[in-house]
N, C-alpha and C. Protein backbone atom coordinates (compact mmCIF):
# COMPACT_ATOMS: atom_id res chain seq x y z
N UNK A 1 -21.05 -22.42 -12.26
CA UNK A 1 -19.94 -23.21 -11.80
C UNK A 1 -20.49 -24.34 -10.93
N UNK A 2 -20.04 -25.52 -11.20
CA UNK A 2 -20.50 -26.65 -10.39
C UNK A 2 -19.78 -26.66 -9.05
N UNK A 3 -20.24 -27.52 -8.17
CA UNK A 3 -19.62 -27.62 -6.85
C UNK A 3 -18.17 -28.10 -6.96
N UNK A 4 -17.93 -29.06 -7.84
CA UNK A 4 -16.56 -29.57 -8.03
C UNK A 4 -15.64 -28.47 -8.57
N UNK A 5 -16.12 -27.69 -9.51
CA UNK A 5 -15.31 -26.59 -10.04
C UNK A 5 -15.04 -25.54 -8.97
N UNK A 6 -16.01 -25.27 -8.14
CA UNK A 6 -15.81 -24.32 -7.05
C UNK A 6 -14.77 -24.82 -6.07
N UNK A 7 -14.84 -26.10 -5.73
CA UNK A 7 -13.86 -26.67 -4.79
C UNK A 7 -12.45 -26.66 -5.39
N UNK A 8 -12.34 -26.97 -6.68
CA UNK A 8 -11.02 -26.94 -7.35
C UNK A 8 -10.49 -25.52 -7.39
N UNK A 9 -11.34 -24.56 -7.69
CA UNK A 9 -10.92 -23.16 -7.72
C UNK A 9 -10.43 -22.71 -6.35
N UNK A 10 -11.17 -23.04 -5.31
CA UNK A 10 -10.77 -22.67 -3.94
C UNK A 10 -9.44 -23.34 -3.59
N UNK A 11 -9.28 -24.61 -3.95
CA UNK A 11 -8.03 -25.32 -3.64
C UNK A 11 -6.84 -24.69 -4.36
N UNK A 12 -7.02 -24.31 -5.61
CA UNK A 12 -5.92 -23.68 -6.36
C UNK A 12 -5.56 -22.33 -5.77
N UNK A 13 -6.57 -21.55 -5.37
CA UNK A 13 -6.30 -20.26 -4.74
C UNK A 13 -5.57 -20.44 -3.42
N UNK A 14 -5.99 -21.43 -2.62
CA UNK A 14 -5.32 -21.70 -1.34
C UNK A 14 -3.88 -22.12 -1.58
N UNK A 15 -3.65 -23.01 -2.54
CA UNK A 15 -2.28 -23.45 -2.82
C UNK A 15 -1.41 -22.30 -3.33
N UNK A 16 -1.97 -21.47 -4.20
CA UNK A 16 -1.20 -20.32 -4.69
C UNK A 16 -0.86 -19.35 -3.57
N UNK A 17 -1.81 -19.12 -2.68
CA UNK A 17 -1.55 -18.23 -1.55
C UNK A 17 -0.51 -18.82 -0.62
N UNK A 18 -0.64 -20.10 -0.31
CA UNK A 18 0.34 -20.74 0.58
C UNK A 18 1.73 -20.75 -0.05
N UNK A 19 1.79 -20.96 -1.36
CA UNK A 19 3.09 -20.98 -2.04
C UNK A 19 3.77 -19.62 -1.94
N UNK A 20 3.02 -18.55 -2.19
CA UNK A 20 3.63 -17.22 -2.13
C UNK A 20 3.99 -16.83 -0.70
N UNK A 21 3.30 -17.37 0.29
CA UNK A 21 3.60 -17.05 1.69
C UNK A 21 4.80 -17.84 2.22
N UNK A 22 4.89 -19.12 1.87
CA UNK A 22 5.90 -19.99 2.46
C UNK A 22 7.17 -20.11 1.65
N UNK A 23 7.11 -19.84 0.36
CA UNK A 23 8.29 -20.01 -0.50
C UNK A 23 9.49 -19.17 -0.07
N UNK A 24 9.33 -17.90 0.31
CA UNK A 24 10.51 -17.15 0.76
C UNK A 24 11.19 -17.77 1.98
N UNK A 25 10.41 -18.36 2.89
CA UNK A 25 11.00 -18.99 4.07
C UNK A 25 11.71 -20.29 3.72
N UNK A 26 11.26 -20.96 2.67
CA UNK A 26 11.93 -22.18 2.23
C UNK A 26 13.20 -21.86 1.46
N UNK A 27 13.16 -20.82 0.64
CA UNK A 27 14.33 -20.45 -0.17
C UNK A 27 15.41 -19.81 0.70
N UNK A 28 15.00 -18.94 1.62
CA UNK A 28 15.94 -18.21 2.48
C UNK A 28 15.67 -18.56 3.94
N UNK A 29 16.20 -19.69 4.42
CA UNK A 29 15.97 -20.05 5.83
C UNK A 29 16.62 -19.04 6.77
N UNK A 30 16.25 -19.12 8.04
CA UNK A 30 16.67 -18.10 9.01
C UNK A 30 18.18 -18.02 9.20
N UNK A 31 18.88 -19.12 9.19
CA UNK A 31 20.32 -19.10 9.40
C UNK A 31 21.13 -18.71 8.19
N UNK A 32 20.52 -18.72 7.00
CA UNK A 32 21.23 -18.45 5.76
C UNK A 32 21.09 -16.97 5.39
N UNK A 33 22.18 -16.34 4.99
CA UNK A 33 22.15 -14.95 4.57
C UNK A 33 21.61 -14.85 3.15
N UNK A 34 20.59 -14.01 2.92
CA UNK A 34 20.05 -13.89 1.56
C UNK A 34 21.05 -13.16 0.65
N UNK A 35 20.92 -13.34 -0.65
CA UNK A 35 21.81 -12.64 -1.59
C UNK A 35 21.66 -11.12 -1.46
N UNK A 36 22.68 -10.42 -1.92
CA UNK A 36 22.69 -8.96 -1.78
C UNK A 36 21.53 -8.29 -2.52
N UNK A 37 21.16 -8.80 -3.68
CA UNK A 37 20.07 -8.16 -4.43
C UNK A 37 18.73 -8.34 -3.73
N UNK A 38 18.56 -9.43 -3.00
CA UNK A 38 17.32 -9.61 -2.23
C UNK A 38 17.28 -8.62 -1.08
N UNK A 39 18.39 -8.43 -0.41
CA UNK A 39 18.47 -7.44 0.67
C UNK A 39 18.22 -6.03 0.11
N UNK A 40 18.82 -5.76 -1.05
CA UNK A 40 18.61 -4.45 -1.70
C UNK A 40 17.14 -4.24 -2.03
N UNK A 41 16.52 -5.24 -2.63
CA UNK A 41 15.10 -5.12 -2.96
C UNK A 41 14.24 -4.94 -1.71
N UNK A 42 14.62 -5.58 -0.63
CA UNK A 42 13.88 -5.43 0.62
C UNK A 42 13.96 -4.03 1.19
N UNK A 43 15.02 -3.32 0.90
CA UNK A 43 15.13 -1.94 1.39
C UNK A 43 14.54 -0.92 0.42
N UNK A 44 14.53 -1.22 -0.88
CA UNK A 44 14.09 -0.26 -1.88
C UNK A 44 12.60 -0.40 -2.23
N UNK A 45 12.09 -1.61 -2.29
CA UNK A 45 10.73 -1.82 -2.76
C UNK A 45 9.64 -1.16 -1.92
N UNK A 46 9.74 -1.11 -0.59
CA UNK A 46 8.67 -0.42 0.15
C UNK A 46 8.49 1.03 -0.29
N UNK A 47 9.57 1.75 -0.50
CA UNK A 47 9.48 3.14 -0.95
C UNK A 47 8.91 3.22 -2.37
N UNK A 48 9.29 2.28 -3.21
CA UNK A 48 8.77 2.27 -4.58
C UNK A 48 7.27 2.00 -4.59
N UNK A 49 6.83 1.10 -3.73
CA UNK A 49 5.40 0.78 -3.67
C UNK A 49 4.60 1.98 -3.16
N UNK A 50 5.11 2.66 -2.13
CA UNK A 50 4.43 3.84 -1.61
C UNK A 50 4.36 4.93 -2.68
N UNK A 51 5.46 5.14 -3.40
CA UNK A 51 5.45 6.12 -4.48
C UNK A 51 4.46 5.75 -5.56
N UNK A 52 4.39 4.47 -5.90
CA UNK A 52 3.42 4.02 -6.90
C UNK A 52 1.99 4.24 -6.41
N UNK A 53 1.73 3.99 -5.14
CA UNK A 53 0.39 4.21 -4.60
C UNK A 53 0.02 5.70 -4.60
N UNK A 54 0.97 6.56 -4.30
CA UNK A 54 0.69 8.00 -4.32
C UNK A 54 0.36 8.45 -5.74
N UNK A 55 1.15 8.00 -6.70
CA UNK A 55 0.89 8.36 -8.09
C UNK A 55 -0.47 7.81 -8.54
N UNK A 56 -0.78 6.59 -8.16
CA UNK A 56 -2.07 6.00 -8.54
C UNK A 56 -3.24 6.76 -7.91
N UNK A 57 -3.09 7.17 -6.66
CA UNK A 57 -4.17 7.90 -5.99
C UNK A 57 -4.37 9.29 -6.58
N UNK A 58 -3.33 9.89 -7.08
CA UNK A 58 -3.42 11.26 -7.61
C UNK A 58 -3.60 11.32 -9.12
N UNK A 59 -3.73 10.18 -9.79
CA UNK A 59 -3.77 10.17 -11.25
C UNK A 59 -5.00 10.88 -11.81
N UNK A 60 -6.11 10.88 -11.10
CA UNK A 60 -7.33 11.51 -11.60
C UNK A 60 -7.59 12.87 -10.98
N UNK A 61 -6.71 13.33 -10.12
CA UNK A 61 -6.91 14.63 -9.48
C UNK A 61 -6.63 15.75 -10.47
N UNK A 62 -7.47 16.78 -10.42
CA UNK A 62 -7.31 17.95 -11.29
C UNK A 62 -6.80 19.09 -10.41
N UNK A 63 -5.57 19.52 -10.64
CA UNK A 63 -4.95 20.53 -9.80
C UNK A 63 -5.05 21.94 -10.39
N UNK A 64 -5.80 22.10 -11.47
CA UNK A 64 -5.90 23.41 -12.09
C UNK A 64 -7.00 24.27 -11.46
N UNK A 65 -7.82 23.68 -10.61
CA UNK A 65 -8.88 24.45 -9.93
C UNK A 65 -8.99 23.95 -8.49
N UNK A 66 -10.10 24.20 -7.84
CA UNK A 66 -10.29 23.78 -6.46
C UNK A 66 -10.53 22.29 -6.32
N UNK A 67 -10.64 21.57 -7.41
CA UNK A 67 -10.91 20.13 -7.34
C UNK A 67 -9.73 19.37 -6.74
N UNK A 68 -8.54 19.84 -6.89
CA UNK A 68 -7.38 19.17 -6.34
C UNK A 68 -6.99 19.63 -4.95
N UNK A 69 -7.72 20.60 -4.42
CA UNK A 69 -7.38 21.15 -3.11
C UNK A 69 -7.54 20.14 -1.97
N UNK A 70 -8.59 19.31 -1.92
CA UNK A 70 -8.66 18.32 -0.84
C UNK A 70 -7.47 17.36 -0.84
N UNK A 71 -7.05 16.94 -2.01
CA UNK A 71 -5.90 16.04 -2.10
C UNK A 71 -4.64 16.71 -1.58
N UNK A 72 -4.42 17.96 -2.02
CA UNK A 72 -3.22 18.67 -1.58
C UNK A 72 -3.23 18.92 -0.07
N UNK A 73 -4.38 19.33 0.48
CA UNK A 73 -4.46 19.55 1.92
C UNK A 73 -4.24 18.26 2.71
N UNK A 74 -4.80 17.17 2.23
CA UNK A 74 -4.60 15.89 2.91
C UNK A 74 -3.14 15.45 2.84
N UNK A 75 -2.49 15.65 1.70
CA UNK A 75 -1.08 15.29 1.57
C UNK A 75 -0.22 16.13 2.51
N UNK A 76 -0.49 17.42 2.58
CA UNK A 76 0.28 18.29 3.48
C UNK A 76 0.08 17.84 4.92
N UNK A 77 -1.15 17.52 5.30
CA UNK A 77 -1.41 17.04 6.67
C UNK A 77 -0.68 15.73 6.95
N UNK A 78 -0.67 14.83 5.98
CA UNK A 78 0.02 13.55 6.15
C UNK A 78 1.52 13.77 6.35
N UNK A 79 2.11 14.60 5.52
CA UNK A 79 3.56 14.84 5.60
C UNK A 79 3.92 15.51 6.92
N UNK A 80 3.17 16.54 7.30
CA UNK A 80 3.47 17.26 8.55
C UNK A 80 3.29 16.34 9.75
N UNK A 81 2.20 15.58 9.77
CA UNK A 81 1.95 14.68 10.90
C UNK A 81 3.00 13.58 10.97
N UNK A 82 3.41 13.08 9.81
CA UNK A 82 4.43 12.02 9.83
C UNK A 82 5.78 12.56 10.28
N UNK A 83 6.14 13.75 9.84
CA UNK A 83 7.40 14.35 10.29
C UNK A 83 7.37 14.62 11.79
N UNK A 84 6.19 14.96 12.30
CA UNK A 84 6.06 15.31 13.72
C UNK A 84 6.01 14.07 14.61
N UNK A 85 5.17 13.09 14.27
CA UNK A 85 4.94 11.94 15.14
C UNK A 85 5.71 10.68 14.74
N UNK A 86 6.17 10.60 13.50
CA UNK A 86 6.88 9.42 12.99
C UNK A 86 6.06 8.14 13.14
N UNK A 87 4.76 8.23 12.88
CA UNK A 87 3.86 7.09 12.99
C UNK A 87 3.09 6.97 11.67
N UNK A 88 3.42 5.96 10.89
CA UNK A 88 2.83 5.80 9.57
C UNK A 88 1.33 5.55 9.64
N UNK A 89 0.92 4.66 10.53
CA UNK A 89 -0.50 4.34 10.64
C UNK A 89 -1.32 5.56 11.04
N UNK A 90 -0.82 6.33 11.98
CA UNK A 90 -1.51 7.55 12.39
C UNK A 90 -1.58 8.55 11.24
N UNK A 91 -0.51 8.71 10.52
CA UNK A 91 -0.47 9.65 9.40
C UNK A 91 -1.48 9.27 8.32
N UNK A 92 -1.50 7.99 7.96
CA UNK A 92 -2.42 7.55 6.92
C UNK A 92 -3.86 7.65 7.39
N UNK A 93 -4.13 7.26 8.63
CA UNK A 93 -5.49 7.33 9.15
C UNK A 93 -6.02 8.75 9.24
N UNK A 94 -5.22 9.65 9.80
CA UNK A 94 -5.65 11.05 9.92
C UNK A 94 -5.78 11.69 8.54
N UNK A 95 -4.85 11.39 7.64
CA UNK A 95 -4.93 11.93 6.29
C UNK A 95 -6.19 11.47 5.56
N UNK A 96 -6.55 10.21 5.74
CA UNK A 96 -7.77 9.69 5.13
C UNK A 96 -9.00 10.38 5.70
N UNK A 97 -9.04 10.53 7.02
CA UNK A 97 -10.18 11.21 7.65
C UNK A 97 -10.28 12.65 7.18
N UNK A 98 -9.16 13.34 7.13
CA UNK A 98 -9.16 14.74 6.68
C UNK A 98 -9.63 14.83 5.23
N UNK A 99 -9.14 13.95 4.38
CA UNK A 99 -9.57 13.97 2.98
C UNK A 99 -11.07 13.70 2.85
N UNK A 100 -11.56 12.72 3.58
CA UNK A 100 -12.99 12.39 3.48
C UNK A 100 -13.86 13.52 4.03
N UNK A 101 -13.44 14.17 5.11
CA UNK A 101 -14.20 15.31 5.63
C UNK A 101 -14.20 16.45 4.62
N UNK A 102 -13.06 16.72 4.03
CA UNK A 102 -12.98 17.79 3.03
C UNK A 102 -13.87 17.49 1.82
N UNK A 103 -13.83 16.27 1.34
CA UNK A 103 -14.61 15.92 0.16
C UNK A 103 -16.11 15.87 0.45
N UNK A 104 -16.48 15.35 1.62
CA UNK A 104 -17.90 15.15 1.92
C UNK A 104 -18.60 16.44 2.40
N UNK A 105 -17.89 17.28 3.16
CA UNK A 105 -18.57 18.40 3.81
C UNK A 105 -18.13 19.77 3.32
N UNK A 106 -16.95 19.92 2.78
CA UNK A 106 -16.46 21.26 2.44
C UNK A 106 -16.45 21.48 0.93
N UNK A 107 -15.92 20.55 0.16
CA UNK A 107 -15.80 20.75 -1.29
C UNK A 107 -16.88 19.99 -2.02
């Protein structure tokens, strides 16, 4: 890639990123109420994304033997810690550490 092509590629990536960041604020200014479907999507999509991430993370896990045990133990720890502390970042961080310790040192 030449220098000019690299600069054009970087400029297009920057413009695309800026467009996706600023467009919602231009379409839905602060004083204007967004349409109902946008509000609905704002409440539903975070849960859908988390569900999709859980399914993606568990797609290669084998639960018929001990190979799926670290995943199950980490999930149980995440759920219990989240129900107890109500802190998403803490739950994800501790669950990740527990999973990595289980995979690296125990299983």
